[in-house]
Amino acid sequence: MKRKSVLSIVLLSLVGWCGAYAQVQVADTSIVQSLERVTGNARVRLFQDARLTDRLARRTGNVALSGTSSRDMNYVTVRGYRIQVFSDNNQRRSKDEAYQKASMIKDADPELSTYVTFTSPFWRLRVGDFRSFEEANLKLIELKNTFPQFREMRVVKDMIRLTRIVE
């Protein structure tokens, strides 16, 4: 009986210590690396497929591959910023106005990506794919100077497309 109580106390203290240790070690790249740490005289060694290691790795951001075929998979989707140029819910003219403003922006800056979307009941025009708010804000100031008639422009958080680098 004494053995069981001593063993349970040791196990409970070990579990408590491991829980505290796991909370401190959040900078590891994967759970496997945190398990393989040397602690005192004990060492845990894990052998696994490289694909499993890749699946367990922590990501620095939300990255998703987009597209369905190999020619469409030339970009990744991440969190970032866009400039919302237009948003309206007038069923008769909002769609045309969004596409007209997109065309005007494309004529002024062909490098800037434009995205016209419909999320019921709003038609929206958002432009650009910016990783930082500062980048988007600089472009917003430039667009406001170029198009003073577009009064409702602002920077918004959105999922953006970044071109993939193919090795």
N, C-alpha and C. Protein backbone atom coordinates (compact mmCIF):
# COMPACT_ATOMS: atom_id res chain seq x y z
N MET A 1 0.82 -1.18 0.00
CA MET A 1 0.00 0.00 0.00
C MET A 1 0.86 1.25 0.00
N LYS A 2 1.98 1.20 0.78
CA LYS A 2 2.88 2.34 0.84
C LYS A 2 3.52 2.60 -0.51
N ARG A 3 3.84 1.52 -1.22
CA ARG A 3 4.46 1.67 -2.55
C ARG A 3 3.53 2.41 -3.51
N LYS A 4 2.24 2.06 -3.48
CA LYS A 4 1.28 2.70 -4.37
C LYS A 4 1.14 4.18 -4.05
N SER A 5 1.09 4.54 -2.79
CA SER A 5 0.94 5.94 -2.42
C SER A 5 2.20 6.73 -2.77
N VAL A 6 3.39 6.14 -2.53
CA VAL A 6 4.64 6.82 -2.89
C VAL A 6 4.72 6.97 -4.40
N LEU A 7 4.38 5.93 -5.13
CA LEU A 7 4.41 5.98 -6.59
C LEU A 7 3.43 7.01 -7.12
N SER A 8 2.23 7.08 -6.56
CA SER A 8 1.25 8.06 -7.03
C SER A 8 1.70 9.49 -6.73
N ILE A 9 2.35 9.70 -5.59
CA ILE A 9 2.86 11.05 -5.26
C ILE A 9 3.96 11.44 -6.24
N VAL A 10 4.85 10.51 -6.54
CA VAL A 10 5.93 10.79 -7.50
C VAL A 10 5.34 11.09 -8.87
N LEU A 11 4.39 10.29 -9.29
CA LEU A 11 3.77 10.52 -10.60
C LEU A 11 3.04 11.85 -10.65
N LEU A 12 2.31 12.21 -9.62
CA LEU A 12 1.60 13.48 -9.60
C LEU A 12 2.56 14.65 -9.61
N SER A 13 3.66 14.56 -8.87
CA SER A 13 4.63 15.65 -8.89
C SER A 13 5.31 15.74 -10.25
N LEU A 14 5.57 14.59 -10.88
CA LEU A 14 6.16 14.58 -12.22
C LEU A 14 5.22 15.20 -13.24
N VAL A 15 3.93 14.87 -13.15
CA VAL A 15 2.94 15.45 -14.06
C VAL A 15 2.85 16.96 -13.86
N GLY A 16 2.84 17.41 -12.63
CA GLY A 16 2.82 18.85 -12.34
C GLY A 16 4.05 19.54 -12.88
N TRP A 17 5.22 18.92 -12.71
CA TRP A 17 6.47 19.49 -13.23
C TRP A 17 6.45 19.55 -14.74
N CYS A 18 5.97 18.48 -15.39
CA CYS A 18 5.91 18.46 -16.87
C CYS A 18 4.94 19.51 -17.37
N GLY A 19 3.84 19.73 -16.69
CA GLY A 19 2.88 20.75 -17.10
C GLY A 19 3.50 22.13 -17.04
N ALA A 20 4.23 22.41 -15.95
CA ALA A 20 4.91 23.71 -15.82
C ALA A 20 6.00 23.84 -16.87
N TYR A 21 6.72 22.77 -17.14
CA TYR A 21 7.78 22.78 -18.15
C TYR A 21 7.20 23.04 -19.53
N ALA A 22 6.07 22.43 -19.84
CA ALA A 22 5.44 22.60 -21.15
C ALA A 22 4.97 24.03 -21.34
N GLN A 23 4.52 24.69 -20.27
CA GLN A 23 4.06 26.06 -20.41
C GLN A 23 5.21 27.01 -20.68
N VAL A 24 6.38 26.72 -20.18
CA VAL A 24 7.52 27.60 -20.39
C VAL A 24 8.09 27.42 -21.79
N GLN A 25 8.07 26.22 -22.31
CA GLN A 25 8.71 25.91 -23.58
C GLN A 25 7.77 26.10 -24.77
N VAL A 26 7.29 27.29 -25.03
CA VAL A 26 6.37 27.53 -26.14
C VAL A 26 7.08 27.93 -27.42
N ALA A 27 8.39 28.18 -27.36
CA ALA A 27 9.12 28.64 -28.53
C ALA A 27 9.62 27.50 -29.39
N ASP A 28 9.40 26.24 -28.99
CA ASP A 28 9.85 25.11 -29.79
C ASP A 28 9.15 25.10 -31.15
N THR A 29 9.80 24.49 -32.12
CA THR A 29 9.20 24.45 -33.43
C THR A 29 8.21 23.30 -33.57
N SER A 30 8.31 22.29 -32.72
CA SER A 30 7.32 21.22 -32.78
C SER A 30 7.22 20.53 -31.43
N ILE A 31 6.17 19.77 -31.27
CA ILE A 31 5.97 19.02 -30.03
C ILE A 31 7.01 17.93 -29.91
N VAL A 32 7.46 17.39 -31.03
CA VAL A 32 8.47 16.34 -31.01
C VAL A 32 9.78 16.85 -30.45
N GLN A 33 10.18 18.05 -30.86
CA GLN A 33 11.42 18.62 -30.34
C GLN A 33 11.33 18.88 -28.85
N SER A 34 10.17 19.28 -28.36
CA SER A 34 10.04 19.50 -26.92
C SER A 34 10.10 18.19 -26.16
N LEU A 35 9.64 17.09 -26.77
CA LEU A 35 9.71 15.79 -26.11
C LEU A 35 11.12 15.21 -26.12
N GLU A 36 11.94 15.60 -27.10
CA GLU A 36 13.29 15.06 -27.22
C GLU A 36 14.31 15.79 -26.36
N ARG A 37 13.91 16.72 -25.56
CA ARG A 37 14.85 17.45 -24.70
C ARG A 37 15.49 16.51 -23.67
N VAL A 38 16.72 16.81 -23.32
CA VAL A 38 17.42 16.08 -22.27
C VAL A 38 17.09 16.74 -20.94
N THR A 39 16.60 15.95 -20.01
CA THR A 39 16.25 16.47 -18.69
C THR A 39 16.97 15.61 -17.66
N GLY A 40 17.96 16.17 -17.02
CA GLY A 40 18.73 15.39 -16.04
C GLY A 40 19.45 14.26 -16.73
N ASN A 41 19.23 13.04 -16.26
CA ASN A 41 19.85 11.86 -16.86
C ASN A 41 18.95 11.17 -17.87
N ALA A 42 17.72 11.65 -18.00
CA ALA A 42 16.76 11.01 -18.89
C ALA A 42 16.80 11.66 -20.28
N ARG A 43 16.62 10.83 -21.27
CA ARG A 43 16.57 11.35 -22.64
C ARG A 43 15.51 10.56 -23.41
N VAL A 44 14.65 11.30 -24.11
CA VAL A 44 13.61 10.68 -24.92
C VAL A 44 14.02 10.81 -26.37
N ARG A 45 13.97 9.73 -27.11
CA ARG A 45 14.35 9.74 -28.52
C ARG A 45 13.16 9.24 -29.32
N LEU A 46 12.69 10.03 -30.30
CA LEU A 46 11.54 9.65 -31.12
C LEU A 46 11.99 9.47 -32.56
N PHE A 47 11.50 8.42 -33.19
CA PHE A 47 11.78 8.16 -34.59
C PHE A 47 10.44 8.20 -35.33
N GLN A 48 10.37 9.03 -36.38
CA GLN A 48 9.11 9.16 -37.10
C GLN A 48 9.38 9.59 -38.55
N ASP A 49 8.36 9.46 -39.36
CA ASP A 49 8.43 9.85 -40.76
C ASP A 49 8.58 11.37 -40.86
N ALA A 50 9.32 11.87 -41.84
CA ALA A 50 9.53 13.31 -42.03
C ALA A 50 8.21 14.03 -42.32
N ARG A 51 7.28 13.35 -42.97
CA ARG A 51 5.98 13.98 -43.26
C ARG A 51 5.23 14.29 -41.97
N LEU A 52 5.34 13.40 -40.98
CA LEU A 52 4.69 13.64 -39.70
C LEU A 52 5.34 14.81 -38.97
N THR A 53 6.66 14.90 -39.05
CA THR A 53 7.37 16.03 -38.46
C THR A 53 6.88 17.34 -39.07
N ASP A 54 6.72 17.36 -40.37
CA ASP A 54 6.25 18.56 -41.06
C ASP A 54 4.83 18.91 -40.64
N ARG A 55 3.98 17.92 -40.48
CA ARG A 55 2.58 18.17 -40.10
C ARG A 55 2.47 18.69 -38.66
N LEU A 56 3.39 18.27 -37.78
CA LEU A 56 3.34 18.68 -36.39
C LEU A 56 4.03 20.02 -36.13
N ALA A 57 4.77 20.53 -37.11
CA ALA A 57 5.52 21.78 -36.90
C ALA A 57 4.56 22.94 -36.70
N ARG A 58 4.93 23.84 -35.79
CA ARG A 58 4.12 25.03 -35.57
C ARG A 58 4.37 26.01 -36.69
N ARG A 59 3.34 26.66 -37.13
CA ARG A 59 3.44 27.64 -38.19
C ARG A 59 3.52 29.03 -37.58
N THR A 60 4.21 29.96 -38.26
CA THR A 60 4.32 31.31 -37.74
C THR A 60 3.11 32.15 -38.12
N GLY A 61 2.29 31.70 -39.02
CA GLY A 61 1.10 32.43 -39.41
C GLY A 61 0.14 31.47 -40.07
N ASN A 62 -1.03 31.90 -40.40
CA ASN A 62 -1.97 31.05 -41.10
C ASN A 62 -1.65 31.10 -42.58
N VAL A 63 -1.13 30.01 -43.10
CA VAL A 63 -0.75 29.93 -44.50
C VAL A 63 -1.56 28.80 -45.11
N ALA A 64 -2.20 29.08 -46.23
CA ALA A 64 -2.97 28.06 -46.92
C ALA A 64 -2.65 28.11 -48.40
N LEU A 65 -2.41 26.95 -49.00
CA LEU A 65 -2.20 26.91 -50.44
C LEU A 65 -3.54 27.10 -51.12
N SER A 66 -3.53 27.86 -52.20
CA SER A 66 -4.77 28.13 -52.91
C SER A 66 -4.67 27.59 -54.33
N GLY A 67 -5.81 27.31 -54.90
CA GLY A 67 -5.85 26.83 -56.26
C GLY A 67 -6.10 25.33 -56.29
N THR A 68 -6.54 24.84 -57.43
CA THR A 68 -6.85 23.42 -57.53
C THR A 68 -5.89 22.68 -58.45
N SER A 69 -5.30 23.34 -59.40
CA SER A 69 -4.35 22.68 -60.28
C SER A 69 -2.97 23.27 -60.07
N SER A 70 -1.96 22.65 -60.68
CA SER A 70 -0.59 23.11 -60.46
C SER A 70 -0.37 24.51 -61.01
N ARG A 71 -1.06 24.91 -62.07
CA ARG A 71 -0.87 26.26 -62.60
C ARG A 71 -1.56 27.31 -61.72
N ASP A 72 -2.60 26.91 -60.96
CA ASP A 72 -3.29 27.83 -60.06
C ASP A 72 -2.59 27.98 -58.72
N MET A 73 -1.68 27.07 -58.38
CA MET A 73 -1.05 27.09 -57.07
C MET A 73 0.22 27.94 -57.09
N ASN A 74 0.09 29.17 -57.54
CA ASN A 74 1.24 30.05 -57.61
C ASN A 74 1.22 31.10 -56.52
N TYR A 75 0.36 30.97 -55.54
CA TYR A 75 0.30 31.91 -54.43
C TYR A 75 -0.13 31.21 -53.16
N VAL A 76 0.17 31.85 -52.03
CA VAL A 76 -0.30 31.38 -50.73
C VAL A 76 -1.18 32.45 -50.13
N THR A 77 -2.09 32.04 -49.28
CA THR A 77 -3.01 32.97 -48.64
C THR A 77 -2.59 33.13 -47.17
N VAL A 78 -2.38 34.37 -46.75
CA VAL A 78 -1.98 34.68 -45.38
C VAL A 78 -2.78 35.86 -44.87
N ARG A 79 -2.71 36.10 -43.58
CA ARG A 79 -3.37 37.28 -43.01
C ARG A 79 -2.57 38.52 -43.36
N GLY A 80 -3.29 39.56 -43.72
CA GLY A 80 -2.63 40.81 -44.08
C GLY A 80 -3.64 41.94 -44.14
N TYR A 81 -3.37 42.90 -45.03
CA TYR A 81 -4.21 44.10 -45.12
C TYR A 81 -4.51 44.41 -46.58
N ARG A 82 -5.68 44.99 -46.78
CA ARG A 82 -6.08 45.53 -48.08
C ARG A 82 -6.71 46.89 -47.85
N ILE A 83 -6.86 47.63 -48.94
CA ILE A 83 -7.53 48.93 -48.86
C ILE A 83 -8.93 48.75 -49.41
N GLN A 84 -9.93 49.03 -48.59
CA GLN A 84 -11.31 48.97 -49.06
C GLN A 84 -11.65 50.31 -49.68
N VAL A 85 -11.91 50.28 -50.99
CA VAL A 85 -12.17 51.50 -51.75
C VAL A 85 -13.66 51.78 -51.81
N PHE A 86 -14.46 50.71 -51.87
CA PHE A 86 -15.90 50.88 -52.10
C PHE A 86 -16.66 49.77 -51.39
N SER A 87 -17.81 50.13 -50.84
CA SER A 87 -18.73 49.17 -50.24
C SER A 87 -20.13 49.77 -50.28
N ASP A 88 -21.08 49.06 -50.89
CA ASP A 88 -22.44 49.58 -50.98
C ASP A 88 -23.41 48.42 -51.13
N ASN A 89 -24.65 48.63 -50.73
CA ASN A 89 -25.65 47.57 -50.83
C ASN A 89 -26.82 47.95 -51.75
N ASN A 90 -26.65 48.96 -52.59
CA ASN A 90 -27.68 49.31 -53.55
C ASN A 90 -27.70 48.25 -54.65
N GLN A 91 -28.79 47.49 -54.74
CA GLN A 91 -28.86 46.36 -55.65
C GLN A 91 -28.77 46.76 -57.13
N ARG A 92 -29.20 47.95 -57.46
CA ARG A 92 -29.26 48.35 -58.87
C ARG A 92 -27.93 48.84 -59.43
N ARG A 93 -27.10 49.47 -58.60
CA ARG A 93 -25.90 50.08 -59.17
C ARG A 93 -24.58 49.71 -58.50
N SER A 94 -24.60 49.02 -57.38
CA SER A 94 -23.38 48.75 -56.62
C SER A 94 -22.38 47.89 -57.38
N LYS A 95 -22.85 46.86 -58.04
CA LYS A 95 -21.94 45.98 -58.78
C LYS A 95 -21.23 46.74 -59.88
N ASP A 96 -21.96 47.49 -60.68
CA ASP A 96 -21.37 48.25 -61.77
C ASP A 96 -20.39 49.30 -61.25
N GLU A 97 -20.76 49.96 -60.15
CA GLU A 97 -19.90 50.98 -59.58
C GLU A 97 -18.59 50.37 -59.05
N ALA A 98 -18.67 49.20 -58.44
CA ALA A 98 -17.48 48.53 -57.93
C ALA A 98 -16.53 48.19 -59.07
N TYR A 99 -17.07 47.62 -60.16
CA TYR A 99 -16.22 47.27 -61.30
C TYR A 99 -15.68 48.51 -62.01
N GLN A 100 -16.47 49.57 -62.06
CA GLN A 100 -16.00 50.82 -62.68
C GLN A 100 -14.83 51.42 -61.88
N LYS A 101 -14.94 51.44 -60.57
CA LYS A 101 -13.86 51.96 -59.74
C LYS A 101 -12.62 51.06 -59.81
N ALA A 102 -12.83 49.76 -59.91
CA ALA A 102 -11.71 48.83 -60.06
C ALA A 102 -10.96 49.11 -61.36
N SER A 103 -11.71 49.37 -62.42
CA SER A 103 -11.10 49.69 -63.71
C SER A 103 -10.30 50.99 -63.64
N MET A 104 -10.84 51.98 -62.96
CA MET A 104 -10.14 53.26 -62.81
C MET A 104 -8.82 53.08 -62.05
N ILE A 105 -8.84 52.27 -61.01
CA ILE A 105 -7.64 52.03 -60.22
C ILE A 105 -6.62 51.23 -61.02
N LYS A 106 -7.08 50.25 -61.78
CA LYS A 106 -6.19 49.46 -62.62
C LYS A 106 -5.52 50.32 -63.69
N ASP A 107 -6.26 51.28 -64.24
CA ASP A 107 -5.67 52.18 -65.24
C ASP A 107 -4.59 53.06 -64.61
N ALA A 108 -4.81 53.50 -63.39
CA ALA A 108 -3.84 54.37 -62.71
C ALA A 108 -2.63 53.59 -62.21
N ASP A 109 -2.84 52.35 -61.73
CA ASP A 109 -1.75 51.54 -61.18
C ASP A 109 -1.96 50.08 -61.58
N PRO A 110 -1.43 49.66 -62.73
CA PRO A 110 -1.65 48.29 -63.21
C PRO A 110 -1.06 47.21 -62.29
N GLU A 111 -0.08 47.55 -61.47
CA GLU A 111 0.54 46.58 -60.58
C GLU A 111 -0.33 46.24 -59.36
N LEU A 112 -1.29 47.09 -59.05
CA LEU A 112 -2.13 46.92 -57.86
C LEU A 112 -3.27 45.93 -58.16
N SER A 113 -3.37 44.89 -57.33
CA SER A 113 -4.43 43.89 -57.50
C SER A 113 -5.75 44.45 -57.00
N THR A 114 -6.83 44.17 -57.73
CA THR A 114 -8.16 44.61 -57.32
C THR A 114 -9.04 43.38 -57.09
N TYR A 115 -9.90 43.45 -56.09
CA TYR A 115 -10.79 42.34 -55.73
C TYR A 115 -12.20 42.88 -55.53
N VAL A 116 -13.11 42.54 -56.43
CA VAL A 116 -14.52 42.89 -56.29
C VAL A 116 -15.21 41.66 -55.74
N THR A 117 -15.87 41.81 -54.59
CA THR A 117 -16.55 40.68 -53.96
C THR A 117 -17.99 41.05 -53.61
N PHE A 118 -18.81 40.02 -53.51
CA PHE A 118 -20.19 40.20 -53.07
C PHE A 118 -20.41 39.35 -51.83
N THR A 119 -20.68 40.01 -50.72
CA THR A 119 -21.08 39.34 -49.48
C THR A 119 -22.41 39.96 -49.12
N SER A 120 -23.45 39.18 -49.32
CA SER A 120 -24.81 39.69 -49.23
C SER A 120 -25.01 40.57 -48.01
N PRO A 121 -25.54 41.75 -48.17
CA PRO A 121 -26.03 42.43 -49.37
C PRO A 121 -25.02 43.42 -49.97
N PHE A 122 -23.73 43.33 -49.61
CA PHE A 122 -22.76 44.34 -50.01
C PHE A 122 -21.87 43.91 -51.17
N TRP A 123 -21.65 44.84 -52.10
CA TRP A 123 -20.61 44.74 -53.11
C TRP A 123 -19.43 45.54 -52.57
N ARG A 124 -18.23 44.93 -52.59
CA ARG A 124 -17.05 45.61 -52.07
C ARG A 124 -15.92 45.57 -53.08
N LEU A 125 -15.14 46.63 -53.07
CA LEU A 125 -13.91 46.69 -53.87
C LEU A 125 -12.77 46.89 -52.89
N ARG A 126 -11.86 45.92 -52.89
CA ARG A 126 -10.65 46.02 -52.08
C ARG A 126 -9.45 45.89 -53.00
N VAL A 127 -8.40 46.60 -52.67
CA VAL A 127 -7.21 46.59 -53.52
C VAL A 127 -5.97 46.27 -52.70
N GLY A 128 -5.00 45.66 -53.39
CA GLY A 128 -3.69 45.42 -52.80
C GLY A 128 -3.59 44.16 -51.97
N ASP A 129 -2.37 43.75 -51.74
CA ASP A 129 -2.01 42.64 -50.87
C ASP A 129 -0.82 43.12 -50.04
N PHE A 130 -1.10 43.59 -48.83
CA PHE A 130 -0.06 44.20 -48.00
C PHE A 130 0.17 43.37 -46.76
N ARG A 131 1.44 43.09 -46.44
CA ARG A 131 1.79 42.31 -45.26
C ARG A 131 1.64 43.13 -43.97
N SER A 132 1.86 44.46 -44.05
CA SER A 132 1.81 45.28 -42.85
C SER A 132 0.82 46.42 -43.02
N PHE A 133 0.34 46.92 -41.89
CA PHE A 133 -0.57 48.05 -41.89
C PHE A 133 0.12 49.29 -42.45
N GLU A 134 1.39 49.46 -42.13
CA GLU A 134 2.14 50.64 -42.58
C GLU A 134 2.23 50.69 -44.11
N GLU A 135 2.51 49.54 -44.71
CA GLU A 135 2.56 49.44 -46.18
C GLU A 135 1.22 49.86 -46.78
N ALA A 136 0.15 49.31 -46.24
CA ALA A 136 -1.19 49.60 -46.75
C ALA A 136 -1.53 51.07 -46.55
N ASN A 137 -1.15 51.63 -45.43
CA ASN A 137 -1.47 53.03 -45.14
C ASN A 137 -0.74 53.98 -46.10
N LEU A 138 0.50 53.67 -46.45
CA LEU A 138 1.23 54.50 -47.43
C LEU A 138 0.53 54.47 -48.79
N LYS A 139 0.07 53.30 -49.19
CA LYS A 139 -0.64 53.18 -50.47
C LYS A 139 -2.00 53.88 -50.38
N LEU A 140 -2.64 53.83 -49.22
CA LEU A 140 -3.92 54.52 -49.02
C LEU A 140 -3.76 56.02 -49.23
N ILE A 141 -2.72 56.61 -48.68
CA ILE A 141 -2.47 58.04 -48.84
C ILE A 141 -2.26 58.38 -50.32
N GLU A 142 -1.51 57.52 -51.00
CA GLU A 142 -1.28 57.72 -52.44
C GLU A 142 -2.58 57.64 -53.23
N LEU A 143 -3.42 56.66 -52.90
CA LEU A 143 -4.71 56.52 -53.60
C LEU A 143 -5.65 57.69 -53.31
N LYS A 144 -5.63 58.18 -52.08
CA LYS A 144 -6.48 59.33 -51.74
C LYS A 144 -6.06 60.57 -52.51
N ASN A 145 -4.76 60.72 -52.75
CA ASN A 145 -4.29 61.85 -53.55
C ASN A 145 -4.65 61.68 -55.02
N THR A 146 -4.61 60.45 -55.51
CA THR A 146 -4.94 60.18 -56.91
C THR A 146 -6.44 60.24 -57.16
N PHE A 147 -7.23 59.73 -56.22
CA PHE A 147 -8.69 59.67 -56.38
C PHE A 147 -9.37 60.37 -55.20
N PRO A 148 -9.40 61.70 -55.18
CA PRO A 148 -10.05 62.39 -54.05
C PRO A 148 -11.57 62.19 -54.03
N GLN A 149 -12.15 61.77 -55.14
CA GLN A 149 -13.60 61.55 -55.18
C GLN A 149 -14.02 60.27 -54.44
N PHE A 150 -13.07 59.33 -54.19
CA PHE A 150 -13.38 58.12 -53.42
C PHE A 150 -13.17 58.45 -51.95
N ARG A 151 -14.22 58.82 -51.26
CA ARG A 151 -14.11 59.33 -49.90
C ARG A 151 -14.06 58.25 -48.82
N GLU A 152 -14.52 57.06 -49.13
CA GLU A 152 -14.68 56.07 -48.08
C GLU A 152 -13.53 55.06 -47.99
N MET A 153 -12.38 55.37 -48.54
CA MET A 153 -11.26 54.43 -48.52
C MET A 153 -10.70 54.29 -47.11
N ARG A 154 -10.32 53.03 -46.77
CA ARG A 154 -9.73 52.75 -45.47
C ARG A 154 -8.99 51.41 -45.54
N VAL A 155 -8.07 51.21 -44.61
CA VAL A 155 -7.31 49.96 -44.53
C VAL A 155 -8.11 48.96 -43.71
N VAL A 156 -8.21 47.71 -44.22
CA VAL A 156 -8.94 46.66 -43.52
C VAL A 156 -8.09 45.39 -43.46
N LYS A 157 -8.32 44.59 -42.43
CA LYS A 157 -7.66 43.27 -42.33
C LYS A 157 -8.37 42.33 -43.28
N ASP A 158 -7.57 41.48 -43.94
CA ASP A 158 -8.15 40.53 -44.89
C ASP A 158 -7.14 39.42 -45.14
N MET A 159 -7.58 38.35 -45.74
CA MET A 159 -6.67 37.31 -46.18
C MET A 159 -6.12 37.77 -47.54
N ILE A 160 -4.80 37.79 -47.66
CA ILE A 160 -4.16 38.30 -48.87
C ILE A 160 -3.44 37.19 -49.60
N ARG A 161 -3.12 37.44 -50.85
CA ARG A 161 -2.40 36.48 -51.68
C ARG A 161 -0.96 36.93 -51.84
N LEU A 162 -0.04 36.02 -51.54
CA LEU A 162 1.38 36.28 -51.76
C LEU A 162 1.88 35.28 -52.79
N THR A 163 2.67 35.75 -53.72
CA THR A 163 3.20 34.89 -54.77
C THR A 163 4.19 33.90 -54.18
N ARG A 164 4.05 32.66 -54.55
CA ARG A 164 4.96 31.62 -54.07
C ARG A 164 6.26 31.68 -54.84
N ILE A 165 7.33 31.36 -54.17
CA ILE A 165 8.64 31.25 -54.82
C ILE A 165 8.86 29.79 -55.14
N VAL A 166 8.96 29.47 -56.42
CA VAL A 166 9.14 28.09 -56.85
C VAL A 166 10.62 27.83 -56.99
N GLU A 167 11.11 26.79 -56.30
CA GLU A 167 12.53 26.49 -56.34
C GLU A 167 12.84 25.51 -57.43
